[in-house]
Protein backbone atom coordinates (compact mmCIF):
# COMPACT_ATOMS: atom_id res chain seq x y z
CA MET A 1 3.42 -6.07 -2.66
CA ILE A 2 4.24 -9.93 -2.67
CA ASN A 3 5.55 -10.37 -6.67
CA ASN A 4 7.45 -13.83 -6.13
CA SER A 5 4.51 -15.88 -5.84
CA ASN A 6 2.15 -17.93 -8.23
CA GLN A 7 -1.25 -16.26 -6.16
CA GLU A 8 -2.19 -12.95 -7.52
CA TRP A 9 -2.56 -10.76 -4.66
CA ALA A 10 -4.48 -7.80 -6.32
CA VAL A 11 -7.61 -6.51 -3.95
CA GLY A 12 -11.01 -8.83 -5.25
CA ALA A 13 -8.74 -11.79 -5.34
CA THR A 14 -8.70 -15.37 -3.24
CA VAL A 15 -5.68 -16.88 -2.34
CA LYS A 16 -3.89 -19.54 0.14
CA VAL A 17 -2.73 -19.19 2.91
CA GLY A 18 -1.26 -22.28 4.79
CA PHE A 19 -3.75 -24.95 5.06
CA MET A 20 -6.49 -21.55 5.12
CA ALA A 21 -7.96 -21.36 1.62
CA GLY A 22 -10.61 -19.43 0.13
CA LEU A 23 -9.30 -16.14 1.73
CA ILE A 24 -9.94 -13.20 -0.55
CA VAL A 25 -7.99 -9.72 -0.20
CA ILE A 26 -9.85 -7.01 1.20
CA ALA A 27 -7.10 -4.35 1.10
CA ARG A 28 -2.99 -4.76 0.99
CA ILE A 29 -1.67 -2.09 3.69
CA PRO A 30 1.77 -0.91 2.12
CA THR A 31 4.21 0.20 4.91
CA PRO A 32 7.16 2.24 3.08
CA GLY A 33 10.16 3.41 4.71
CA ASP A 34 10.35 0.40 7.07
CA TYR A 35 11.02 -2.53 4.31
CA ALA A 36 9.22 -4.48 5.94
CA PRO A 37 6.66 -6.50 3.64
CA ASP A 38 3.31 -5.13 3.00
CA ALA A 39 0.23 -6.54 5.11
CA TYR A 40 -3.15 -7.64 4.17
CA ILE A 41 -6.31 -7.46 4.70
CA LEU A 42 -7.86 -11.04 3.98
CA GLY A 43 -11.33 -12.27 4.50
CA ARG A 44 -13.48 -15.59 4.66
CA GLY A 45 -16.75 -15.99 6.06
CA ASN A 46 -17.64 -13.10 8.64
CA LYS A 47 -13.99 -13.38 9.13
CA LEU A 48 -10.64 -10.79 8.86
CA TYR A 49 -7.10 -11.63 9.34
CA SER A 50 -4.40 -9.60 8.76
CA PHE A 51 -1.52 -11.48 7.07
CA VAL A 52 2.53 -10.41 6.96
CA PRO A 53 4.04 -12.29 5.08
CA HIS A 54 7.20 -14.47 6.85
CA LYS A 55 5.47 -12.62 10.05
CA GLY A 56 1.61 -15.05 10.24
CA LEU A 57 -1.47 -14.95 9.92
CA THR A 58 -4.12 -13.26 12.94
CA VAL A 59 -7.54 -12.85 13.11
CA ILE A 60 -9.30 -8.43 13.52
CA ALA A 61 -12.38 -7.03 13.76
CA PRO A 62 -13.78 -5.19 12.06
CA GLU A 63 -13.04 -2.35 13.75
CA GLU A 64 -8.88 -2.84 13.73
CA ALA A 65 -9.69 -3.83 9.21
CA ARG A 66 -11.29 -0.30 9.09
CA ALA A 67 -8.87 1.62 10.73
CA LYS A 68 -5.70 0.36 9.61
CA ILE A 69 -7.32 0.62 5.91
CA VAL A 70 -7.70 4.41 6.71
CA LYS A 71 -4.27 4.71 7.94
CA ALA A 72 -2.99 3.17 4.38
CA ARG A 73 -5.50 5.50 3.13
CA ARG A 74 -4.05 8.66 4.52
CA GLN A 75 -0.46 7.86 4.31
CA ALA A 76 -0.64 7.65 0.62
CA GLU A 77 -2.68 10.76 0.40
CA VAL A 78 0.39 12.89 2.09
CA ALA A 79 3.24 10.18 -0.17
CA ALA A 80 1.57 11.89 -2.71
CA GLU A 81 1.12 15.41 -1.91
CA GLN A 82 4.91 15.41 -1.10
CA ALA A 83 5.73 13.68 -4.51
CA ALA A 84 2.96 16.95 -6.09
CA ARG A 85 5.31 19.29 -4.22
CA VAL A 86 8.66 17.89 -5.04
CA ALA A 87 7.67 17.50 -9.34
CA LEU A 88 6.39 21.14 -8.55
CA SER A 89 9.88 22.52 -7.34
CA PHE A 90 11.67 20.58 -10.13
CA VAL A 91 9.34 22.21 -12.79
CA THR A 92 9.56 26.06 -11.21
CA ALA A 93 13.44 25.38 -10.60
CA ALA A 94 13.32 24.28 -14.71
CA GLU A 95 11.25 27.76 -15.43
CA VAL A 96 14.04 29.25 -13.48
CA ARG A 97 16.88 27.67 -16.16
CA ALA A 98 15.30 28.18 -19.21
CA GLU A 99 14.53 32.34 -18.02
CA LEU A 100 18.07 32.37 -17.61
CA LEU A 101 19.26 31.19 -21.14
CA VAL A 102 16.82 33.19 -22.34
CA VAL A 103 18.47 36.73 -20.70
CA GLY A 104 21.60 35.17 -20.59
């Protein structure tokens, strides 16, 4: 996510990239684990763009934008499921410790 910017990069915000003003942030595509900056899907008029900080702005087709957003949602769901499993394992371990303290 872009943090050190004077612009608001939330979905629905209007941003300027280089000389192109009036771009609307349609989606943020997180890139977890690869230390690369997040990508953004931006729109202006009837065109869609993919923007990655330090990489640039490229025109993309609606199908490509849709595929990127769907893939990002799937990745977020998988990450949430993994986090839930980890949290459950911590809760289970805490319950076992509590039982052992009562028994011991």
